[in-house]
PDB file of N, CA and C in Angstrom:
ATOM      1  N   MET A   1     -20.749 -28.889  10.181  1.00  0.00           N
ATOM      2  CA  MET A   1     -20.123 -30.011   9.050  1.00  0.00           C
ATOM      3  C   MET A   1     -21.042 -31.152   8.975  1.00  0.00           C
ATOM      4  N   ALA A   2     -20.792 -31.265   7.692  1.00  0.00           N
ATOM      5  CA  ALA A   2     -21.590 -32.326   7.101  1.00  0.00           C
ATOM      6  C   ALA A   2     -19.776 -33.952   7.318  1.00  0.00           C
ATOM      7  N   LEU A   3     -20.875 -34.527   7.556  1.00  0.00           N
ATOM      8  CA  LEU A   3     -19.894 -36.098   7.359  1.00  0.00           C
ATOM      9  C   LEU A   3     -20.670 -37.085   6.595  1.00  0.00           C
ATOM     10  N   SER A   4     -19.471 -37.594   5.941  1.00  0.00           N
ATOM     11  CA  SER A   4     -19.934 -38.335   4.630  1.00  0.00           C
ATOM     12  C   SER A   4     -20.115 -39.916   5.496  1.00  0.00           C
ATOM     13  N   THR A   5     -21.131 -40.326   5.367  1.00  0.00           N
ATOM     14  CA  THR A   5     -21.451 -41.486   6.520  1.00  0.00           C
ATOM     15  C   THR A   5     -22.238 -43.288   4.697  1.00  0.00           C
ATOM     16  N   SER A   6     -22.297 -42.399   4.492  1.00  0.00           N
ATOM     17  CA  SER A   6     -22.219 -43.865   3.797  1.00  0.00           C
ATOM     18  C   SER A   6     -20.999 -44.767   3.304  1.00  0.00           C
ATOM     19  N   LYS A   7     -21.992 -46.411   3.278  1.00  0.00           N
ATOM     20  CA  LYS A   7     -20.957 -47.554   3.164  1.00  0.00           C
ATOM     21  C   LYS A   7     -19.981 -46.995   2.430  1.00  0.00           C
ATOM     22  N   PRO A   8     -18.739 -48.238   2.307  1.00  0.00           N
ATOM     23  CA  PRO A   8     -17.599 -47.475   2.154  1.00  0.00           C
ATOM     24  C   PRO A   8     -17.289 -47.545   0.599  1.00  0.00           C
ATOM     25  N   ILE A   9     -16.977 -47.806   0.008  1.00  0.00           N
ATOM     26  CA  ILE A   9     -17.377 -48.182  -1.412  1.00  0.00           C
ATOM     27  C   ILE A   9     -15.779 -49.160  -2.447  1.00  0.00           C
ATOM     28  N   PRO A  10     -16.301 -49.713  -2.077  1.00  0.00           N
ATOM     29  CA  PRO A  10     -15.529 -51.152  -2.438  1.00  0.00           C
ATOM     30  C   PRO A  10     -13.838 -50.863  -3.173  1.00  0.00           C
ATOM     31  N   GLY A  11     -12.886 -50.938  -2.761  1.00  0.00           N
ATOM     32  CA  GLY A  11     -11.331 -50.375  -3.216  1.00  0.00           C
ATOM     33  C   GLY A  11     -11.407 -49.563  -2.595  1.00  0.00           C
ATOM     34  N   ARG A  12     -11.553 -48.756  -2.463  1.00  0.00           N
ATOM     35  CA  ARG A  12     -11.098 -47.534  -0.996  1.00  0.00           C
ATOM     36  C   ARG A  12     -11.528 -47.196   0.530  1.00  0.00           C
ATOM     37  N   LEU A  13     -10.925 -46.401   0.976  1.00  0.00           N
ATOM     38  CA  LEU A  13     -10.764 -46.754   2.614  1.00  0.00           C
ATOM     39  C   LEU A  13     -11.821 -45.867   3.162  1.00  0.00           C
ATOM     40  N   GLY A  14     -12.743 -46.675   3.593  1.00  0.00           N
ATOM     41  CA  GLY A  14     -14.629 -46.049   4.682  1.00  0.00           C
ATOM     42  C   GLY A  14     -14.277 -45.026   5.419  1.00  0.00           C
ATOM     43  N   HIS A  15     -13.446 -44.431   6.244  1.00  0.00           N
ATOM     44  CA  HIS A  15     -13.152 -43.576   6.389  1.00  0.00           C
ATOM     45  C   HIS A  15     -13.844 -42.822   6.360  1.00  0.00           C
ATOM     46  N   PRO A  16     -14.682 -41.947   7.098  1.00  0.00           N
ATOM     47  CA  PRO A  16     -15.768 -40.399   6.945  1.00  0.00           C
ATOM     48  C   PRO A  16     -14.857 -39.059   6.882  1.00  0.00           C
ATOM     49  N   GLN A  17     -15.047 -38.670   6.184  1.00  0.00           N
ATOM     50  CA  GLN A  17     -14.533 -37.364   5.867  1.00  0.00           C
ATOM     51  C   GLN A  17     -15.280 -36.412   6.184  1.00  0.00           C
ATOM     52  N   ARG A  18     -14.681 -34.424   6.670  1.00  0.00           N
ATOM     53  CA  ARG A  18     -15.738 -33.753   6.753  1.00  0.00           C
ATOM     54  C   ARG A  18     -15.800 -33.535   4.962  1.00  0.00           C
ATOM     55  N   LEU A  19     -17.065 -32.636   4.438  1.00  0.00           N
ATOM     56  CA  LEU A  19     -17.071 -32.677   2.963  1.00  0.00           C
ATOM     57  C   LEU A  19     -16.776 -31.477   2.672  1.00  0.00           C
ATOM     58  N   GLY A  20     -16.136 -30.776   3.571  1.00  0.00           N
ATOM     59  CA  GLY A  20     -15.447 -29.501   3.068  1.00  0.00           C
ATOM     60  C   GLY A  20     -13.548 -29.688   3.224  1.00  0.00           C
ATOM     61  N   ASP A  21     -13.252 -31.333   2.985  1.00  0.00           N
ATOM     62  CA  ASP A  21     -11.924 -31.571   4.039  1.00  0.00           C
ATOM     63  C   ASP A  21     -11.828 -32.355   1.964  1.00  0.00           C
ATOM     64  N   SER A  22     -13.223 -32.924   2.222  1.00  0.00           N
ATOM     65  CA  SER A  22     -12.347 -33.714   0.660  1.00  0.00           C
ATOM     66  C   SER A  22     -12.694 -33.271  -0.629  1.00  0.00           C
ATOM     67  N   ILE A  23     -13.973 -31.790  -0.517  1.00  0.00           N
ATOM     68  CA  ILE A  23     -14.051 -30.217  -1.606  1.00  0.00           C
ATOM     69  C   ILE A  23     -12.363 -29.883  -1.927  1.00  0.00           C
ATOM     70  N   LYS A  24     -11.777 -29.734  -1.102  1.00  0.00           N
ATOM     71  CA  LYS A  24     -10.058 -28.598  -0.300  1.00  0.00           C
ATOM     72  C   LYS A  24      -9.240 -29.785  -1.505  1.00  0.00           C
ATOM     73  N   ALA A  25      -9.523 -31.362  -0.764  1.00  0.00           N
ATOM     74  CA  ALA A  25      -8.503 -32.390  -1.573  1.00  0.00           C
ATOM     75  C   ALA A  25      -8.389 -32.104  -3.439  1.00  0.00           C
ATOM     76  N   PHE A  26      -9.830 -32.334  -3.421  1.00  0.00           N
ATOM     77  CA  PHE A  26     -10.342 -32.486  -5.044  1.00  0.00           C
ATOM     78  C   PHE A  26      -9.475 -30.787  -5.559  1.00  0.00           C
ATOM     79  N   VAL A  27      -9.223 -29.864  -5.195  1.00  0.00           N
ATOM     80  CA  VAL A  27      -9.439 -28.426  -5.488  1.00  0.00           C
ATOM     81  C   VAL A  27      -8.272 -28.502  -5.936  1.00  0.00           C
ATOM     82  N   GLN A  28      -7.314 -28.685  -5.143  1.00  0.00           N
ATOM     83  CA  GLN A  28      -6.106 -29.864  -4.591  1.00  0.00           C
ATOM     84  C   GLN A  28      -6.036 -30.610  -6.124  1.00  0.00           C
ATOM     85  N   ARG A  29      -6.123 -31.866  -5.745  1.00  0.00           N
ATOM     86  CA  ARG A  29      -5.583 -32.575  -6.724  1.00  0.00           C
ATOM     87  C   ARG A  29      -5.566 -32.215  -8.138  1.00  0.00           C
ATOM     88  N   ALA A  30      -6.700 -31.520  -8.477  1.00  0.00           N
ATOM     89  CA  ALA A  30      -7.480 -31.319 -10.037  1.00  0.00           C
ATOM     90  C   ALA A  30      -6.769 -29.334  -9.947  1.00  0.00           C
ATOM     91  N   GLY A  31      -5.608 -29.838  -9.589  1.00  0.00           N
ATOM     92  CA  GLY A  31      -4.492 -28.138  -9.760  1.00  0.00           C
ATOM     93  C   GLY A  31      -5.432 -26.714 -10.211  1.00  0.00           C
ATOM     94  N   LEU A  32      -6.427 -26.825  -9.330  1.00  0.00           N
ATOM     95  CA  LEU A  32      -7.885 -25.962  -9.358  1.00  0.00           C
ATOM     96  C   LEU A  32      -7.572 -24.481  -8.418  1.00  0.00           C
ATOM     97  N   GLU A  33      -6.759 -24.941  -6.777  1.00  0.00           N
ATOM     98  CA  GLU A  33      -6.345 -24.012  -6.146  1.00  0.00           C
ATOM     99  C   GLU A  33      -6.333 -22.511  -6.815  1.00  0.00           C
ATOM    100  N   ARG A  34      -5.268 -22.989  -8.023  1.00  0.00           N
ATOM    101  CA  ARG A  34      -4.701 -20.953  -7.859  1.00  0.00           C
ATOM    102  C   ARG A  34      -5.917 -20.079  -9.044  1.00  0.00           C
ATOM    103  N   PRO A  35      -6.463 -20.985  -9.967  1.00  0.00           N
ATOM    104  CA  PRO A  35      -7.473 -20.264  -9.701  1.00  0.00           C
ATOM    105  C   PRO A  35      -8.495 -20.004  -9.555  1.00  0.00           C
ATOM    106  N   LEU A  36      -9.090 -21.081  -8.816  1.00  0.00           N
ATOM    107  CA  LEU A  36      -9.606 -20.652  -7.518  1.00  0.00           C
ATOM    108  C   LEU A  36      -9.372 -18.611  -6.738  1.00  0.00           C
ATOM    109  N   MET A  37      -8.017 -19.163  -6.454  1.00  0.00           N
ATOM    110  CA  MET A  37      -7.050 -18.105  -5.939  1.00  0.00           C
ATOM    111  C   MET A  37      -7.503 -16.512  -6.692  1.00  0.00           C
ATOM    112  N   GLU A  38      -7.305 -17.245  -7.918  1.00  0.00           N
ATOM    113  CA  GLU A  38      -7.067 -15.749  -8.949  1.00  0.00           C
ATOM    114  C   GLU A  38      -8.228 -14.654  -8.963  1.00  0.00           C
ATOM    115  N   GLN A  39      -9.303 -15.549  -9.355  1.00  0.00           N
ATOM    116  CA  GLN A  39     -11.393 -15.523  -9.739  1.00  0.00           C
ATOM    117  C   GLN A  39     -11.818 -14.307  -8.508  1.00  0.00           C
ATOM    118  N   ARG A  40     -11.656 -15.384  -6.687  1.00  0.00           N
ATOM    119  CA  ARG A  40     -11.934 -14.358  -6.060  1.00  0.00           C
ATOM    120  C   ARG A  40     -11.220 -13.020  -5.577  1.00  0.00           C
ATOM    121  N   ILE A  41     -10.222 -12.880  -6.531  1.00  0.00           N
ATOM    122  CA  ILE A  41      -9.445 -11.882  -6.558  1.00  0.00           C
ATOM    123  C   ILE A  41      -9.957 -10.792  -7.497  1.00  0.00           C
ATOM    124  N   LEU A  42     -10.014 -10.975  -8.658  1.00  0.00           N
ATOM    125  CA  LEU A  42     -10.838 -10.923 -10.009  1.00  0.00           C
ATOM    126  C   LEU A  42     -12.353  -9.941  -9.457  1.00  0.00           C
ATOM    127  N   SER A  43     -12.969 -11.321  -9.175  1.00  0.00           N
ATOM    128  CA  SER A  43     -14.299 -10.547  -8.358  1.00  0.00           C
ATOM    129  C   SER A  43     -14.570  -9.532  -7.722  1.00  0.00           C
ATOM    130  N   SER A  44     -12.885  -9.710  -6.027  1.00  0.00           N
ATOM    131  CA  SER A  44     -13.755  -9.016  -5.382  1.00  0.00           C
ATOM    132  C   SER A  44     -12.573  -7.748  -5.344  1.00  0.00           C
ATOM    133  N   TRP A  45     -12.128  -6.695  -7.086  1.00  0.00           N
ATOM    134  CA  TRP A  45     -11.844  -5.629  -6.888  1.00  0.00           C
ATOM    135  C   TRP A  45     -12.544  -4.808  -5.992  1.00  0.00           C
ATOM    136  N   GLU A  46     -14.034  -4.166  -6.966  1.00  0.00           N
ATOM    137  CA  GLU A  46     -15.093  -3.866  -6.598  1.00  0.00           C
ATOM    138  C   GLU A  46     -15.129  -3.211  -5.196  1.00  0.00           C
ATOM    139  N   GLU A  47     -14.798  -3.997  -4.961  1.00  0.00           N
ATOM    140  CA  GLU A  47     -15.486  -4.277  -3.204  1.00  0.00           C
ATOM    141  C   GLU A  47     -14.230  -4.046  -2.828  1.00  0.00           C
ATOM    142  N   VAL A  48     -12.962  -4.100  -2.637  1.00  0.00           N
ATOM    143  CA  VAL A  48     -12.069  -3.054  -2.134  1.00  0.00           C
ATOM    144  C   VAL A  48     -11.834  -1.775  -2.050  1.00  0.00           C
ATOM    145  N   VAL A  49     -11.511  -1.473  -3.908  1.00  0.00           N
ATOM    146  CA  VAL A  49     -11.665   0.099  -3.906  1.00  0.00           C
ATOM    147  C   VAL A  49     -12.330   0.701  -3.601  1.00  0.00           C
ATOM    148  N   GLU A  50     -14.098   0.199  -3.146  1.00  0.00           N
ATOM    149  CA  GLU A  50     -14.682   1.102  -2.873  1.00  0.00           C
ATOM    150  C   GLU A  50     -14.472   1.489  -1.091  1.00  0.00           C
ATOM    151  N   GLY A  51     -13.882   0.236  -0.912  1.00  0.00           N
ATOM    152  CA  GLY A  51     -13.644  -0.325  -0.009  1.00  0.00           C
ATOM    153  C   GLY A  51     -12.891   0.965   1.317  1.00  0.00           C
ATOM    154  N   VAL A  52     -11.948   0.760  -0.116  1.00  0.00           N
ATOM    155  CA  VAL A  52     -10.376   1.714   0.459  1.00  0.00           C
ATOM    156  C   VAL A  52     -10.639   3.178   0.373  1.00  0.00           C
ATOM    157  N   THR A  53     -10.986   3.291  -0.854  1.00  0.00           N
ATOM    158  CA  THR A  53     -11.785   4.793  -1.592  1.00  0.00           C
ATOM    159  C   THR A  53     -12.371   5.475  -0.968  1.00  0.00           C
ATOM    160  N   GLY A  54     -13.342   4.254  -0.198  1.00  0.00           N
ATOM    161  CA  GLY A  54     -15.045   5.730   0.525  1.00  0.00           C
ATOM    162  C   GLY A  54     -15.187   5.826  -0.850  1.00  0.00           C
ATOM    163  N   ASP A  55     -15.351   5.945  -1.806  1.00  0.00           N
ATOM    164  CA  ASP A  55     -15.393   6.704  -3.391  1.00  0.00           C
ATOM    165  C   ASP A  55     -16.470   5.510  -3.844  1.00  0.00           C
ATOM    166  N   ARG A  56     -17.272   6.264  -5.274  1.00  0.00           N
ATOM    167  CA  ARG A  56     -17.178   4.626  -6.333  1.00  0.00           C
ATOM    168  C   ARG A  56     -16.123   4.273  -7.262  1.00  0.00           C
ATOM    169  N   ALA A  57     -14.955   4.676  -6.800  1.00  0.00           N
ATOM    170  CA  ALA A  57     -13.942   3.914  -7.980  1.00  0.00           C
ATOM    171  C   ALA A  57     -14.108   2.554  -8.523  1.00  0.00           C
ATOM    172  N   GLY A  58     -15.138   1.460  -8.128  1.00  0.00           N
ATOM    173  CA  GLY A  58     -15.416   1.389  -9.025  1.00  0.00           C
ATOM    174  C   GLY A  58     -16.523   1.150  -9.873  1.00  0.00           C
ATOM    175  N   VAL A  59     -16.878   1.965 -10.051  1.00  0.00           N
ATOM    176  CA  VAL A  59     -17.516   2.333 -11.200  1.00  0.00           C
ATOM    177  C   VAL A  59     -16.746   2.480 -12.677  1.00  0.00           C
ATOM    178  N   VAL A  60     -15.596   3.505 -12.466  1.00  0.00           N
ATOM    179  CA  VAL A  60     -14.453   3.475 -13.321  1.00  0.00           C
ATOM    180  C   VAL A  60     -13.734   2.814 -13.247  1.00  0.00           C
ATOM    181  N   SER A  61     -13.299   2.108 -13.170  1.00  0.00           N
ATOM    182  CA  SER A  61     -12.210   0.864 -12.367  1.00  0.00           C
ATOM    183  C   SER A  61     -13.427  -0.330 -13.160  1.00  0.00           C
ATOM    184  N   ARG A  62     -12.601  -1.466 -12.712  1.00  0.00           N
ATOM    185  CA  ARG A  62     -12.712  -3.270 -13.217  1.00  0.00           C
ATOM    186  C   ARG A  62     -11.129  -3.945 -13.334  1.00  0.00           C
ATOM    187  N   SER A  63     -11.328  -5.208 -12.712  1.00  0.00           N
ATOM    188  CA  SER A  63     -10.400  -5.984 -13.040  1.00  0.00           C
ATOM    189  C   SER A  63     -10.710  -6.900 -14.396  1.00  0.00           C
ATOM    190  N   GLU A  64      -9.447  -6.849 -14.782  1.00  0.00           N
ATOM    191  CA  GLU A  64     -10.030  -7.876 -16.427  1.00  0.00           C
ATOM    192  C   GLU A  64      -9.059  -9.121 -16.114  1.00  0.00           C
ATOM    193  N   ARG A  65      -7.298  -8.962 -15.882  1.00  0.00           N
ATOM    194  CA  ARG A  65      -7.181  -9.987 -15.131  1.00  0.00           C
ATOM    195  C   ARG A  65      -5.438  -9.848 -14.384  1.00  0.00           C
ATOM    196  N   ILE A  66      -5.116 -11.877 -14.474  1.00  0.00           N
ATOM    197  CA  ILE A  66      -4.043 -11.067 -13.616  1.00  0.00           C
ATOM    198  C   ILE A  66      -2.280 -11.634 -14.514  1.00  0.00           C
ATOM    199  N   GLN A  67      -1.361 -11.280 -14.715  1.00  0.00           N
ATOM    200  CA  GLN A  67      -1.139 -11.892 -15.475  1.00  0.00           C
ATOM    201  C   GLN A  67       0.453 -11.810 -15.095  1.00  0.00           C
ATOM    202  N   ALA A  68       1.154 -12.657 -15.024  1.00  0.00           N
ATOM    203  CA  ALA A  68       2.280 -13.004 -14.087  1.00  0.00           C
ATOM    204  C   ALA A  68       2.667 -12.040 -12.840  1.00  0.00           C
ATOM    205  N   ASN A  69       1.469 -12.494 -11.957  1.00  0.00           N
ATOM    206  CA  ASN A  69       1.363 -12.727 -11.086  1.00  0.00           C
ATOM    207  C   ASN A  69       1.263 -10.405 -10.542  1.00  0.00           C
ATOM    208  N   GLU A  70       0.977 -10.212 -11.467  1.00  0.00           N
ATOM    209  CA  GLU A  70       0.318  -8.958 -11.600  1.00  0.00           C
ATOM    210  C   GLU A  70      -1.599  -8.513 -12.019  1.00  0.00           C
ATOM    211  N   LEU A  71      -1.556  -7.670 -11.216  1.00  0.00           N
ATOM    212  CA  LEU A  71      -3.916  -7.548 -11.863  1.00  0.00           C
ATOM    213  C   LEU A  71      -3.655  -6.797 -12.425  1.00  0.00           C
ATOM    214  N   ILE A  72      -4.330  -7.034 -13.127  1.00  0.00           N
ATOM    215  CA  ILE A  72      -4.315  -5.189 -14.255  1.00  0.00           C
ATOM    216  C   ILE A  72      -6.027  -5.166 -14.680  1.00  0.00           C
ATOM    217  N   VAL A  73      -5.167  -3.507 -14.682  1.00  0.00           N
ATOM    218  CA  VAL A  73      -7.006  -2.845 -13.680  1.00  0.00           C
ATOM    219  C   VAL A  73      -7.071  -2.234 -15.392  1.00  0.00           C
ATOM    220  N   ARG A  74      -8.102  -2.572 -15.170  1.00  0.00           N
ATOM    221  CA  ARG A  74      -8.358  -0.845 -17.440  1.00  0.00           C
ATOM    222  C   ARG A  74      -8.708   0.648 -15.869  1.00  0.00           C
ATOM    223  N   VAL A  75      -9.167   1.612 -16.201  1.00  0.00           N
ATOM    224  CA  VAL A  75      -9.161   2.782 -15.222  1.00  0.00           C
ATOM    225  C   VAL A  75      -9.765   3.551 -16.531  1.00  0.00           C
ATOM    226  N   SER A  76     -10.918   3.662 -16.107  1.00  0.00           N
ATOM    227  CA  SER A  76     -11.263   4.681 -17.431  1.00  0.00           C
ATOM    228  C   SER A  76     -10.895   6.352 -17.449  1.00  0.00           C
ATOM    229  N   ASP A  77     -10.992   6.852 -15.997  1.00  0.00           N
ATOM    230  CA  ASP A  77     -11.019   7.724 -16.197  1.00  0.00           C
ATOM    231  C   ASP A  77      -8.935   8.395 -15.741  1.00  0.00           C
ATOM    232  N   PRO A  78      -8.599   9.911 -16.380  1.00  0.00           N
ATOM    233  CA  PRO A  78      -7.192   9.165 -15.805  1.00  0.00           C
ATOM    234  C   PRO A  78      -6.599   9.273 -14.438  1.00  0.00           C
ATOM    235  N   VAL A  79      -7.358  10.688 -13.496  1.00  0.00           N
ATOM    236  CA  VAL A  79      -7.507  11.309 -12.338  1.00  0.00           C
ATOM    237  C   VAL A  79      -7.606  10.075 -11.268  1.00  0.00           C
ATOM    238  N   TRP A  80      -8.367   9.753 -11.838  1.00  0.00           N
ATOM    239  CA  TRP A  80      -8.737   8.157 -10.944  1.00  0.00           C
ATOM    240  C   TRP A  80      -7.368   6.807 -10.996  1.00  0.00           C
ATOM    241  N   ARG A  81      -6.895   7.246 -12.445  1.00  0.00           N
ATOM    242  CA  ARG A  81      -5.716   6.444 -12.454  1.00  0.00           C
ATOM    243  C   ARG A  81      -4.812   6.380 -11.426  1.00  0.00           C
ATOM    244  N   HIS A  82      -4.482   7.889 -11.430  1.00  0.00           N
ATOM    245  CA  HIS A  82      -3.574   8.770 -10.574  1.00  0.00           C
ATOM    246  C   HIS A  82      -3.369   7.687  -9.605  1.00  0.00           C
ATOM    247  N   ARG A  83      -4.958   8.453  -8.475  1.00  0.00           N
ATOM    248  CA  ARG A  83      -5.294   7.787  -7.250  1.00  0.00           C
ATOM    249  C   ARG A  83      -5.024   6.988  -6.771  1.00  0.00           C
ATOM    250  N   LEU A  84      -5.906   6.250  -8.111  1.00  0.00           N
ATOM    251  CA  LEU A  84      -5.088   4.671  -7.556  1.00  0.00           C
ATOM    252  C   LEU A  84      -3.805   3.932  -7.384  1.00  0.00           C
ATOM    253  N   ARG A  85      -3.039   4.383  -7.792  1.00  0.00           N
ATOM    254  CA  ARG A  85      -1.715   3.721  -8.041  1.00  0.00           C
ATOM    255  C   ARG A  85      -1.202   4.704  -7.030  1.00  0.00           C
ATOM    256  N   PHE A  86      -1.165   5.564  -5.908  1.00  0.00           N
ATOM    257  CA  PHE A  86      -1.184   5.637  -4.469  1.00  0.00           C
ATOM    258  C   PHE A  86      -1.856   4.724  -3.453  1.00  0.00           C
ATOM    259  N   GLU A  87      -3.002   3.465  -3.985  1.00  0.00           N
ATOM    260  CA  GLU A  87      -3.134   3.156  -2.569  1.00  0.00           C
ATOM    261  C   GLU A  87      -2.612   1.629  -3.582  1.00  0.00           C
ATOM    262  N   GLU A  88      -2.199   0.927  -4.218  1.00  0.00           N
ATOM    263  CA  GLU A  88      -1.723  -0.874  -4.741  1.00  0.00           C
ATOM    264  C   GLU A  88      -1.082  -0.931  -4.016  1.00  0.00           C
ATOM    265  N   GLN A  89      -0.280  -0.896  -3.288  1.00  0.00           N
ATOM    266  CA  GLN A  89      -0.384  -1.859  -2.132  1.00  0.00           C
ATOM    267  C   GLN A  89      -0.645  -2.633  -0.750  1.00  0.00           C
ATOM    268  N   ARG A  90      -1.576  -1.200  -0.858  1.00  0.00           N
ATOM    269  CA  ARG A  90      -2.753  -0.995   0.201  1.00  0.00           C
ATOM    270  C   ARG A  90      -4.017  -2.546  -0.920  1.00  0.00           C
ATOM    271  N   PHE A  91      -4.009  -2.166  -1.429  1.00  0.00           N
ATOM    272  CA  PHE A  91      -5.134  -3.119  -2.412  1.00  0.00           C
ATOM    273  C   PHE A  91      -4.965  -4.255  -2.633  1.00  0.00           C
ATOM    274  N   VAL A  92      -2.986  -4.670  -3.128  1.00  0.00           N
ATOM    275  CA  VAL A  92      -2.157  -5.888  -3.206  1.00  0.00           C
ATOM    276  C   VAL A  92      -2.660  -6.466  -1.956  1.00  0.00           C
ATOM    277  N   LYS A  93      -2.561  -5.965  -1.003  1.00  0.00           N
ATOM    278  CA  LYS A  93      -2.919  -6.478   0.898  1.00  0.00           C
ATOM    279  C   LYS A  93      -4.168  -7.100   1.165  1.00  0.00           C
ATOM    280  N   MET A  94      -4.615  -6.661   0.837  1.00  0.00           N
ATOM    281  CA  MET A  94      -6.511  -6.980   1.000  1.00  0.00           C
ATOM    282  C   MET A  94      -6.617  -7.850  -0.083  1.00  0.00           C
ATOM    283  N   LEU A  95      -6.774  -7.443  -0.609  1.00  0.00           N
ATOM    284  CA  LEU A  95      -6.867  -8.537  -2.262  1.00  0.00           C
ATOM    285  C   LEU A  95      -6.302  -9.449  -1.831  1.00  0.00           C
ATOM    286  N   ASN A  96      -4.903 -10.507  -1.952  1.00  0.00           N
ATOM    287  CA  ASN A  96      -4.877 -11.648  -1.154  1.00  0.00           C
ATOM    288  C   ASN A  96      -5.447 -12.114   0.093  1.00  0.00           C
ATOM    289  N   GLU A  97      -4.543 -11.290   0.924  1.00  0.00           N
ATOM    290  CA  GLU A  97      -5.993 -12.116   2.438  1.00  0.00           C
ATOM    291  C   GLU A  97      -7.351 -12.256   2.079  1.00  0.00           C
ATOM    292  N   MET A  98      -8.065 -11.523   1.123  1.00  0.00           N
ATOM    293  CA  MET A  98      -9.465 -12.162   0.975  1.00  0.00           C
ATOM    294  C   MET A  98      -9.105 -13.313   0.078  1.00  0.00           C
ATOM    295  N   ALA A  99      -7.252 -13.608  -1.029  1.00  0.00           N
ATOM    296  CA  ALA A  99      -8.514 -15.143  -1.650  1.00  0.00           C
ATOM    297  C   ALA A  99      -7.815 -15.495  -1.162  1.00  0.00           C
ATOM    298  N   GLY A 100      -6.450 -15.218   0.454  1.00  0.00           N
ATOM    299  CA  GLY A 100      -6.178 -16.596   1.195  1.00  0.00           C
ATOM    300  C   GLY A 100      -5.395 -16.639   0.675  1.00  0.00           C
ATOM    301  N   GLY A 101      -4.303 -16.467   0.320  1.00  0.00           N
ATOM    302  CA  GLY A 101      -2.641 -16.278  -0.069  1.00  0.00           C
ATOM    303  C   GLY A 101      -1.489 -15.182  -0.872  1.00  0.00           C
ATOM    304  N   GLN A 102      -0.172 -15.511  -0.731  1.00  0.00           N
ATOM    305  CA  GLN A 102      -0.195 -14.545  -1.803  1.00  0.00           C
ATOM    306  C   GLN A 102       0.132 -14.349  -3.905  1.00  0.00           C
ATOM    307  N   VAL A 103      -0.695 -13.935  -4.170  1.00  0.00           N
ATOM    308  CA  VAL A 103      -1.503 -14.051  -5.562  1.00  0.00           C
ATOM    309  C   VAL A 103      -0.725 -13.173  -6.247  1.00  0.00           C
ATOM    310  N   ILE A 104      -1.110 -12.432  -5.811  1.00  0.00           N
ATOM    311  CA  ILE A 104      -0.398 -11.023  -7.393  1.00  0.00           C
ATOM    312  C   ILE A 104       0.297  -9.997  -6.445  1.00  0.00           C
ATOM    313  N   ARG A 105       1.313  -9.803  -6.905  1.00  0.00           N
ATOM    314  CA  ARG A 105       2.855  -8.895  -6.673  1.00  0.00           C
ATOM    315  C   ARG A 105       2.512  -7.237  -6.758  1.00  0.00           C
ATOM    316  N   SER A 106       2.118  -6.872  -7.840  1.00  0.00           N
ATOM    317  CA  SER A 106       1.362  -5.374  -7.918  1.00  0.00           C
ATOM    318  C   SER A 106       0.020  -5.087  -9.120  1.00  0.00           C
ATOM    319  N   ILE A 107       0.677  -4.194  -9.085  1.00  0.00           N
ATOM    320  CA  ILE A 107      -1.028  -4.078  -9.787  1.00  0.00           C
ATOM    321  C   ILE A 107      -0.751  -2.787 -10.997  1.00  0.00           C
ATOM    322  N   ARG A 108      -1.259  -3.667 -11.873  1.00  0.00           N
ATOM    323  CA  ARG A 108      -1.012  -2.573 -13.077  1.00  0.00           C
ATOM    324  C   ARG A 108      -2.330  -1.416 -14.045  1.00  0.00           C
ATOM    325  N   PHE A 109      -2.165  -0.074 -13.917  1.00  0.00           N
ATOM    326  CA  PHE A 109      -4.305   0.328 -14.118  1.00  0.00           C
ATOM    327  C   PHE A 109      -3.219   0.655 -15.611  1.00  0.00           C
ATOM    328  N   ILE A 110      -4.440   0.648 -15.974  1.00  0.00           N
ATOM    329  CA  ILE A 110      -4.378   1.063 -17.751  1.00  0.00           C
ATOM    330  C   ILE A 110      -5.594   1.258 -18.004  1.00  0.00           C
TER     331      ILE A 110
END
């Protein structure tokens, strides 16, 4: 892991920090933690849905957005929409684990 070993900047503490710790602190201070977690969920949908169903459900469905702790997923095939509803809680659990925290509570298949 990289350590910052440069000379201290005037007016700042010169303690070395791990680069990952510095980035994490910046993300938290900038209020980007939640948006990054949401983006992880949106970009992980295809992998998760195909892993659970064992089929190509990612081809007929796509994550669109997260609104009020609910993932909105567009499904082009009504049969798949019905099938995916049965696995909703499993998807929620897996997606939250991939995101690193509780981001969504439910999924709306449209």
